[in-house]
Every structure is written in C-alpha cells, then in structure tokens.
Amino acid sequence: MRFEIQVGSGAWTDVLLASSHTVTGLANGTAVTFNIRAVNAVGNGAVASATATPTAPGGGWIPTPTPVITITTQPANATVAEGDIGSSLSVTATTTQGATRSYRWYRATDANRTGTSTFTGATTATFSKPTDLTPGTHYFYVVISATGATSVRSDVAIVTVTLDGAGGFPFVDVPVGHWAREYVEFVWERDIMQGVSGTLFAPNTTLSRAMATTTLWRMAGEPVASGSAVFTDVADGRWYTQAIAWANQNGIVLGVGDNRFNPATNVTREELAAMMYRYTVFTGGNTNVPGGFDLSQFQDRNQLSGWAESYMYWANHNGLITGRTPTTLAPLGNATRAEAAGIVTRFMAVFG
C-alpha cells in the first residue's frame, strides 16, 4: 500500500509511507487545502482533507502587504489661448491590494513645486484648469494618496497661456473678463490709445492731460498742427507735442495759466467731459441737452464745478461719462485710463 497527497487542486503525488511529509512553495498567509488517500491493488481509499494557513517563521506573525501607488499616465503639458482655457488636466494610476486612491491638485509658482497652493474641490483624477489664467506660464501637479500607502507626486504639468486672438491683444493686465476689456480692445485696435509698455495698458493708472489730449488727436486722425505749442512746459519733439499744439489751436484744450499746460497733471472726470465736449464742437457734433435733464440720481452732484456743469450734463446725457456707482458721479475724481477707453468707445458709438 502507498499514499498520495494533493495540495490544493494540484496533481496527486506519491509520498513515502511515513508519519510526516513536507510541502514547500506555499504562499505565506494564504490558506491551502491538503488531501491524502491510501492506494493499493484494489484501488483508491477514502480522501482525508485538512486546511491550514502557512505562517512566517518565528512567532506566527503574518505581515500585511503594503499598498503601492503607481502613476501610469502623467498630466500632460498644454498650450492654450487666453480665454480658451476651460480644458482639463488628468492623471491615471493603479494601486495594489485594492486600496482606494484620493487626489489633491496643487498650483506652483515654478517647475520645482515652490509656492504651492491647493484648489477647492480639486480632488479627482481630472482637474479643470482655472478660466482666469493670464498669459504666461503656470504650473500644476497632483498628489495621490491611499490608506497605508506612501503618497506619490505627479510630474509638473506646464500650462502656457498665449495671447488671444489674431493680431495678439498684448496687454496682460486687461485679461478676458475685465470690465474694460472690450473698450481697451476698441481703442487699441484703432490706435487711439496705446499701452504704457508693450504688454501693459495700466487700466487703473490715472489719465494725464498729455494722454487725454493725445487720445483726442488720434481720434481726429493725427492732424498736423499749424505751429508749435505755445506752452513753455511743452517741449518740442515729445510724444505729445503735436497733439497739444493741435488741440490748443482748435480750442479743444486750454492752458492752466502762466503760459503752462501741465502735461503730466492728472485729468479729472469733469475736465475730461469738457475736453470731449469741445472736441464734439470742433467736429460739428450735437451738444444739445434736453431742458428737463438733470443729475439728481447722483448724491455728489453738488461737487461738480460750476464751469463744468454744461459739459458733464452733456457727457452724462449721451452716456459717455456714467457714475462710478449708481449714486456717485465723482466729478473731481481723477479719470483712469480704463475709464477713458470706455468714454472714447461710447463716444465713437454715439457720434461716429
């Protein structure tokens, strides 16, 4: 008589007639069933079975395998146009031991992951890029975690935002969504107003008398003045010299006394209304205001200088200069470059 043993569902194997038998190659911590039977000339005997779980040597402790996270697809770099950046970054990963993954996306100030900040709700494998990214380079990455596993970081995805539109709107400080964007585009495309540099418009910077006068001169097509400027503080050959000479000769701008113009002085909103009014007179436009029109909706209307009342009534009636709020006109407030772009755009729409 002899004996045969079966390990799990494996083949039956002859064993020596002995009181014990050693089986090797079993997986630590994995239960296995052993079957044994006696065999003689008559046939096979009944099968006896037993199930056991192998344990590690030295105390019977069975270690739990540690989950491992592996990133299989890194977030990809992207180049997108300003205003067309609602696309997504994504990552794919696997985890051993069936561990559930969690994600957290970060934005950094450079490719070395410095100056990082998180995004609210950016906790899935797919991350929608912010829609307010300005032209330039932006850096994103994701950290993937799982219970019991060592967290892993993805590569940094570099998102390059380019200037939008044919011809390349250049001013990074007037992004898509800025309240004055369409106005700045209008005056820039027609070369009525330019930037303070190749990439900056400075929308919140105050408008100087030289800037305002040059804007009107460009609206008129940059006509040649019949002579030099008469003001002692307007030197020949400056970027505003021709504009001030022309505008003064045609009664559109006046000096401030003592034969001076003060080209660098800020223009108030009521002063800009006066300039626009006189320009309209020069071009033959309509300066009439209905008799019943007033500025009663503005609580600060009493701040309006007496000399500027007719100019501001006309400018507000035609929608050129509106309130800074529904109840404040701010006639003595300095006009900004963004406000000037809006005033010029609305003027062109009304008077052509």
Protein backbone atom coordinates (compact mmCIF):
# COMPACT_ATOMS: atom_id res chain seq x y z
CA MET A 1 0.00 0.00 0.00
CA ARG A 2 1.12 3.52 -0.71
CA PHE A 3 -0.15 7.07 -0.09
CA GLU A 4 -0.82 10.01 -2.38
CA ILE A 5 -1.15 13.68 -1.41
CA GLN A 6 -2.79 16.58 -3.23
CA VAL A 7 -2.04 20.24 -2.43
CA GLY A 8 -4.96 22.45 -3.31
CA SER A 9 -6.23 21.46 -6.73
CA GLY A 10 -2.86 20.18 -7.89
CA ALA A 11 -1.95 16.73 -9.09
CA TRP A 12 -1.87 13.71 -6.79
CA THR A 13 1.70 12.88 -5.79
CA ASP A 14 3.14 9.66 -4.33
CA VAL A 15 4.64 10.07 -0.86
CA LEU A 16 6.71 7.73 1.23
CA LEU A 17 5.00 5.75 3.92
CA ALA A 18 5.95 7.93 6.85
CA SER A 19 4.42 9.83 9.69
CA SER A 20 5.02 13.23 8.09
CA HIS A 21 5.52 14.92 4.74
CA THR A 22 6.95 18.40 3.98
CA VAL A 23 5.34 20.62 1.37
CA THR A 24 7.27 23.67 0.12
CA GLY A 25 6.47 26.69 -2.06
CA LEU A 26 3.32 27.74 -0.20
CA ALA A 27 2.29 31.42 -0.04
CA ASN A 28 2.66 32.96 3.39
CA GLY A 29 -0.72 33.79 4.91
CA THR A 30 -2.73 32.07 2.18
CA ALA A 31 -4.96 29.16 3.27
CA VAL A 32 -4.44 25.87 1.43
CA THR A 33 -6.30 22.52 1.50
CA PHE A 34 -4.38 19.22 1.70
CA ASN A 35 -5.96 15.95 0.53
CA ILE A 36 -4.50 12.46 1.26
CA ARG A 37 -5.57 8.99 0.27
CA ALA A 38 -4.35 5.39 0.51
CA VAL A 39 -3.81 3.40 -2.67
CA ASN A 40 -3.45 -0.42 -3.05
CA ALA A 41 -4.06 -3.04 -5.66
CA VAL A 42 -7.81 -2.84 -5.14
CA GLY A 43 -7.97 0.92 -5.76
CA ASN A 44 -8.04 4.30 -4.06
CA GLY A 45 -9.14 4.68 -0.48
CA ALA A 46 -11.25 7.48 1.02
CA VAL A 47 -9.84 11.00 0.87
CA ALA A 48 -8.99 12.78 4.09
CA SER A 49 -8.73 16.60 3.94
CA ALA A 50 -7.35 19.35 6.10
CA THR A 51 -6.98 23.13 5.57
CA ALA A 52 -4.16 25.18 7.03
CA THR A 53 -2.66 28.69 6.68
CA PRO A 54 1.13 28.88 6.49
CA THR A 55 2.70 31.39 8.86
CA ALA A 56 6.02 33.21 8.79
CA PRO A 57 8.82 31.67 10.84
CA GLY A 58 9.40 32.94 14.33
CA GLY A 59 6.15 33.65 16.11
CA GLY A 60 3.45 33.12 13.53
CA TRP A 61 3.08 36.84 12.52
CA ILE A 62 1.68 37.23 9.04
CA PRO A 63 2.65 40.62 7.55
CA THR A 64 0.03 42.60 5.61
CA PRO A 65 1.34 43.64 2.18
CA THR A 66 1.74 47.44 1.83
CA PRO A 67 -0.31 49.04 -0.97
CA VAL A 68 1.79 50.61 -3.71
CA ILE A 69 0.61 53.52 -5.90
CA THR A 70 1.91 53.67 -9.46
CA ILE A 71 1.21 56.58 -11.83
CA THR A 72 0.63 55.16 -15.30
CA THR A 73 -0.15 58.40 -17.16
CA GLN A 74 1.30 61.75 -16.09
CA PRO A 75 -0.56 65.08 -16.52
CA ALA A 76 0.34 66.47 -19.93
CA ASN A 77 1.75 69.92 -20.69
CA ALA A 78 -0.58 72.20 -22.61
CA THR A 79 -0.52 75.42 -24.62
CA VAL A 80 -3.82 77.29 -24.76
CA ALA A 81 -5.06 80.70 -25.84
CA GLU A 82 -6.24 83.22 -23.30
CA GLY A 83 -9.99 82.90 -22.82
CA ASP A 84 -9.97 79.31 -24.13
CA ILE A 85 -8.58 77.50 -21.11
CA GLY A 86 -11.56 75.59 -19.75
CA SER A 87 -9.94 72.24 -20.55
CA SER A 88 -8.65 69.69 -18.07
CA LEU A 89 -5.52 68.07 -16.72
CA SER A 90 -5.75 64.39 -15.83
CA VAL A 91 -3.71 61.58 -14.31
CA THR A 92 -4.17 57.81 -14.20
CA ALA A 93 -2.77 55.48 -11.53
CA THR A 94 -3.06 51.98 -10.10
CA THR A 95 -2.93 50.75 -6.51
CA THR A 96 -2.10 47.26 -5.24
CA GLN A 97 -4.16 45.50 -2.55
CA GLY A 98 -7.31 47.20 -3.82
CA ALA A 99 -6.61 50.39 -1.86
CA THR A 100 -8.82 53.37 -2.76
CA ARG A 101 -6.96 56.37 -4.14
CA SER A 102 -7.51 60.03 -3.30
CA TYR A 103 -6.24 63.06 -5.23
CA ARG A 104 -5.24 66.63 -4.40
CA TRP A 105 -4.22 69.08 -7.12
CA TYR A 106 -1.77 71.89 -6.49
CA ARG A 107 -0.62 75.01 -8.30
CA ALA A 108 3.03 76.05 -8.00
CA THR A 109 5.00 79.14 -8.91
CA ASP A 110 7.65 77.18 -10.80
CA ALA A 111 8.58 73.72 -12.04
CA ASN A 112 10.25 72.93 -8.69
CA ARG A 113 6.87 72.97 -6.92
CA THR A 114 7.64 76.04 -4.80
CA GLY A 115 4.95 78.43 -3.63
CA THR A 116 2.21 75.82 -3.90
CA SER A 117 -1.49 76.36 -3.26
CA THR A 118 -4.44 73.98 -3.41
CA PHE A 119 -7.75 74.24 -5.26
CA THR A 120 -11.08 73.78 -3.52
CA GLY A 121 -12.82 70.67 -4.79
CA ALA A 122 -9.88 69.54 -6.95
CA THR A 123 -9.92 66.02 -5.54
CA THR A 124 -10.43 63.74 -8.54
CA ALA A 125 -8.16 62.32 -11.22
CA THR A 126 -9.34 65.06 -13.61
CA PHE A 127 -8.78 68.74 -12.81
CA SER A 128 -10.41 71.61 -14.73
CA LYS A 129 -7.89 74.38 -15.22
CA PRO A 130 -8.95 77.80 -13.88
CA THR A 131 -10.53 80.05 -16.50
CA ASP A 132 -8.83 83.21 -15.24
CA LEU A 133 -5.25 82.31 -16.12
CA THR A 134 -3.38 85.26 -17.56
CA PRO A 135 -0.92 84.95 -20.45
CA GLY A 136 2.27 83.32 -19.24
CA THR A 137 3.40 80.00 -17.75
CA HIS A 138 1.52 78.17 -15.00
CA TYR A 139 2.48 75.00 -13.10
CA PHE A 140 0.23 72.23 -11.75
CA TYR A 141 0.72 68.80 -10.18
CA VAL A 142 -1.28 66.24 -8.21
CA VAL A 143 -0.54 64.20 -5.08
CA ILE A 144 -2.13 60.74 -4.98
CA SER A 145 -2.71 59.02 -1.64
CA ALA A 146 -4.17 55.72 -0.37
CA THR A 147 -4.59 54.25 3.10
CA GLY A 148 -1.40 52.50 4.15
CA ALA A 149 0.47 53.59 1.03
CA THR A 150 3.21 56.15 0.52
CA SER A 151 1.78 59.17 -1.31
CA VAL A 152 3.22 59.93 -4.73
CA ARG A 153 3.51 63.20 -6.64
CA SER A 154 2.99 63.53 -10.34
CA ASP A 155 5.27 65.34 -12.70
CA VAL A 156 4.62 69.07 -13.01
CA ALA A 157 2.29 69.90 -15.90
CA ILE A 158 3.26 73.20 -17.53
CA VAL A 159 0.32 75.19 -18.92
CA THR A 160 1.35 78.01 -21.25
CA VAL A 161 -1.34 80.63 -21.88
CA THR A 162 -0.80 82.64 -25.04
CA LEU A 163 -2.22 85.99 -26.02
CA ASP A 164 -5.61 85.53 -27.61
CA GLY A 165 -6.95 86.49 -30.98
CA ALA A 166 -5.49 87.20 -34.37
CA GLY A 167 -3.05 90.04 -34.07
CA GLY A 168 -2.37 89.20 -30.43
CA PHE A 169 -4.01 91.55 -27.91
CA PRO A 170 -0.87 92.38 -25.94
CA PHE A 171 -1.98 93.71 -22.54
CA VAL A 172 -1.69 91.10 -19.83
CA ASP A 173 -3.20 93.46 -17.23
CA VAL A 174 -6.54 93.59 -19.09
CA PRO A 175 -7.47 89.89 -19.25
CA VAL A 176 -10.64 88.39 -20.64
CA GLY A 177 -13.42 89.21 -18.18
CA HIS A 178 -12.01 92.61 -17.16
CA TRP A 179 -14.82 95.17 -17.18
CA ALA A 180 -12.87 97.40 -19.62
CA ARG A 181 -11.57 94.66 -21.92
CA GLU A 182 -13.83 95.48 -24.89
CA TYR A 183 -13.10 99.20 -24.53
CA VAL A 184 -9.34 98.72 -24.41
CA GLU A 185 -9.52 96.38 -27.41
CA PHE A 186 -11.53 99.03 -29.30
CA VAL A 187 -9.11 101.92 -28.71
CA TRP A 188 -6.00 99.74 -29.15
CA GLU A 189 -7.15 98.21 -32.44
CA ARG A 190 -7.78 101.72 -33.82
CA ASP A 191 -4.53 103.12 -32.41
CA ILE A 192 -6.46 105.70 -30.40
CA MET A 193 -4.82 104.65 -27.13
CA GLN A 194 -1.63 102.68 -26.67
CA GLY A 195 -0.10 100.82 -23.76
CA VAL A 196 2.37 102.16 -21.26
CA SER A 197 4.63 99.31 -22.46
CA GLY A 198 4.43 96.50 -24.98
CA THR A 199 2.45 94.28 -22.59
CA LEU A 200 0.84 96.68 -20.09
CA PHE A 201 -2.08 99.05 -20.55
CA ALA A 202 -2.23 100.19 -16.88
CA PRO A 203 -6.05 100.39 -16.78
CA ASN A 204 -6.17 101.77 -13.23
CA THR A 205 -3.48 104.39 -13.78
CA THR A 206 -4.77 107.96 -13.86
CA LEU A 207 -5.00 109.75 -17.19
CA SER A 208 -2.68 112.72 -17.63
CA ARG A 209 -3.51 115.87 -19.57
CA ALA A 210 -0.99 114.83 -22.20
CA MET A 211 -2.58 111.37 -22.54
CA ALA A 212 -6.09 112.79 -22.83
CA THR A 213 -5.04 115.34 -25.46
CA THR A 214 -3.12 112.76 -27.48
CA THR A 215 -6.17 110.47 -27.42
CA LEU A 216 -8.35 113.22 -28.94
CA TRP A 217 -5.65 113.99 -31.52
CA ARG A 218 -5.56 110.34 -32.61
CA MET A 219 -9.36 110.25 -32.79
CA ALA A 220 -9.09 113.15 -35.26
CA GLY A 221 -6.56 111.22 -37.37
CA GLU A 222 -3.37 112.83 -36.05
CA PRO A 223 -3.66 116.09 -37.99
CA VAL A 224 -0.58 118.29 -38.33
CA ALA A 225 -0.63 121.41 -36.16
CA SER A 226 -0.20 124.74 -37.88
CA GLY A 227 2.57 125.71 -35.49
CA SER A 228 4.41 124.78 -32.33
CA ALA A 229 2.82 124.53 -28.92
CA VAL A 230 2.67 127.89 -27.14
CA PHE A 231 3.20 126.46 -23.66
CA THR A 232 6.58 126.79 -22.01
CA ASP A 233 6.32 123.33 -20.40
CA VAL A 234 5.61 121.53 -23.70
CA ALA A 235 8.99 120.94 -25.30
CA ASP A 236 9.46 120.21 -28.98
CA GLY A 237 9.81 116.59 -30.03
CA ARG A 238 7.89 114.98 -27.17
CA TRP A 239 5.29 112.28 -27.89
CA TYR A 240 2.51 114.71 -27.00
CA THR A 241 3.89 117.93 -28.55
CA GLN A 242 1.97 117.81 -31.85
CA ALA A 243 -1.24 116.73 -30.12
CA ILE A 244 -1.22 119.58 -27.59
CA ALA A 245 -0.36 122.16 -30.25
CA TRP A 246 -3.20 120.98 -32.49
CA ALA A 247 -5.77 120.68 -29.71
CA ASN A 248 -4.95 124.10 -28.30
CA GLN A 249 -5.07 125.77 -31.71
CA ASN A 250 -8.55 124.33 -32.23
CA GLY A 251 -9.91 125.30 -28.79
CA ILE A 252 -10.17 121.72 -27.55
CA VAL A 253 -7.71 122.08 -24.64
CA LEU A 254 -6.67 125.14 -22.70
CA GLY A 255 -3.68 126.01 -20.58
CA VAL A 256 -3.64 126.30 -16.80
CA GLY A 257 -2.23 129.85 -16.73
CA ASP A 258 1.21 131.44 -16.85
CA ASN A 259 1.64 130.03 -20.36
CA ARG A 260 1.78 126.49 -18.96
CA PHE A 261 -0.11 123.31 -19.86
CA ASN A 262 0.96 120.88 -17.09
CA PRO A 263 1.07 117.82 -19.39
CA ALA A 264 1.77 115.35 -16.57
CA THR A 265 -1.06 116.54 -14.30
CA ASN A 266 -3.99 114.16 -13.85
CA VAL A 267 -7.27 114.88 -15.63
CA THR A 268 -10.41 114.89 -13.52
CA ARG A 269 -13.63 113.38 -14.81
CA GLU A 270 -15.25 116.81 -15.23
CA GLU A 271 -12.16 118.08 -17.11
CA LEU A 272 -12.36 115.09 -19.44
CA ALA A 273 -16.05 115.87 -20.00
CA ALA A 274 -15.04 119.41 -21.04
CA MET A 275 -12.40 118.11 -23.46
CA MET A 276 -14.86 115.69 -25.05
CA TYR A 277 -17.49 118.46 -25.35
CA ARG A 278 -15.06 120.86 -27.07
CA TYR A 279 -13.89 118.08 -29.39
CA THR A 280 -17.54 117.50 -30.35
CA VAL A 281 -17.95 121.20 -31.10
CA PHE A 282 -14.81 121.03 -33.27
CA THR A 283 -16.17 118.06 -35.23
CA GLY A 284 -19.65 119.58 -35.59
CA GLY A 285 -21.38 117.06 -33.35
CA ASN A 286 -24.58 117.60 -31.39
CA THR A 287 -24.08 119.23 -27.98
CA ASN A 288 -27.74 119.81 -27.13
CA VAL A 289 -29.15 118.54 -23.82
CA PRO A 290 -32.91 118.35 -23.15
CA GLY A 291 -34.18 121.03 -20.81
CA GLY A 292 -35.53 118.60 -18.22
CA PHE A 293 -32.36 116.57 -17.90
CA ASP A 294 -30.57 116.61 -14.54
CA LEU A 295 -28.13 114.65 -12.42
CA SER A 296 -30.43 114.20 -9.41
CA GLN A 297 -29.61 110.48 -9.12
CA PHE A 298 -26.06 111.35 -8.06
CA GLN A 299 -25.69 112.28 -4.40
CA ASP A 300 -22.37 114.04 -5.06
CA ARG A 301 -23.65 116.23 -7.91
CA ASN A 302 -23.00 119.34 -5.80
CA GLN A 303 -19.26 118.62 -6.09
CA LEU A 304 -19.46 119.43 -9.79
CA SER A 305 -17.67 122.71 -10.55
CA GLY A 306 -19.89 125.48 -11.90
CA TRP A 307 -17.80 125.91 -15.05
CA ALA A 308 -18.14 122.16 -15.82
CA GLU A 309 -21.90 121.72 -15.35
CA SER A 310 -22.90 122.03 -19.01
CA TYR A 311 -20.07 119.71 -20.07
CA MET A 312 -20.94 117.00 -17.55
CA TYR A 313 -24.69 117.25 -18.25
CA TRP A 314 -23.95 116.68 -21.93
CA ALA A 315 -21.49 113.82 -21.27
CA ASN A 316 -23.86 112.01 -18.92
CA HIS A 317 -26.90 112.58 -21.13
CA ASN A 318 -25.10 110.90 -24.03
CA GLY A 319 -23.87 108.02 -21.86
CA LEU A 320 -20.21 108.96 -22.23
CA ILE A 321 -19.46 109.52 -18.55
CA THR A 322 -21.62 107.48 -16.23
CA GLY A 323 -21.50 107.18 -12.46
CA ARG A 324 -18.78 105.27 -10.70
CA THR A 325 -21.66 103.85 -8.69
CA PRO A 326 -25.41 104.25 -9.27
CA THR A 327 -25.39 107.24 -6.89
CA THR A 328 -21.91 108.77 -7.26
CA LEU A 329 -20.57 110.70 -10.25
CA ALA A 330 -17.15 111.61 -8.77
CA PRO A 331 -16.70 114.70 -10.98
CA LEU A 332 -13.50 115.70 -9.17
CA GLY A 333 -12.05 112.19 -9.20
CA ASN A 334 -9.13 111.56 -11.50
CA ALA A 335 -10.08 109.73 -14.68
CA THR A 336 -8.34 106.40 -15.22
CA ARG A 337 -7.02 105.01 -18.48
CA ALA A 338 -9.69 102.30 -18.44
CA GLU A 339 -12.42 104.90 -17.95
CA ALA A 340 -11.01 106.94 -20.81
CA ALA A 341 -11.09 103.88 -23.07
CA GLY A 342 -14.75 103.37 -22.18
CA ILE A 343 -15.61 107.03 -22.76
CA VAL A 344 -13.94 107.06 -26.17
CA THR A 345 -15.61 103.79 -27.20
CA ARG A 346 -19.05 105.10 -26.24
CA PHE A 347 -18.34 108.44 -27.94
CA MET A 348 -17.49 106.69 -31.20
CA ALA A 349 -20.67 104.63 -30.94
CA VAL A 350 -22.83 107.76 -30.49
CA PHE A 351 -21.04 110.32 -32.69
CA GLY A 352 -19.03 108.13 -35.05
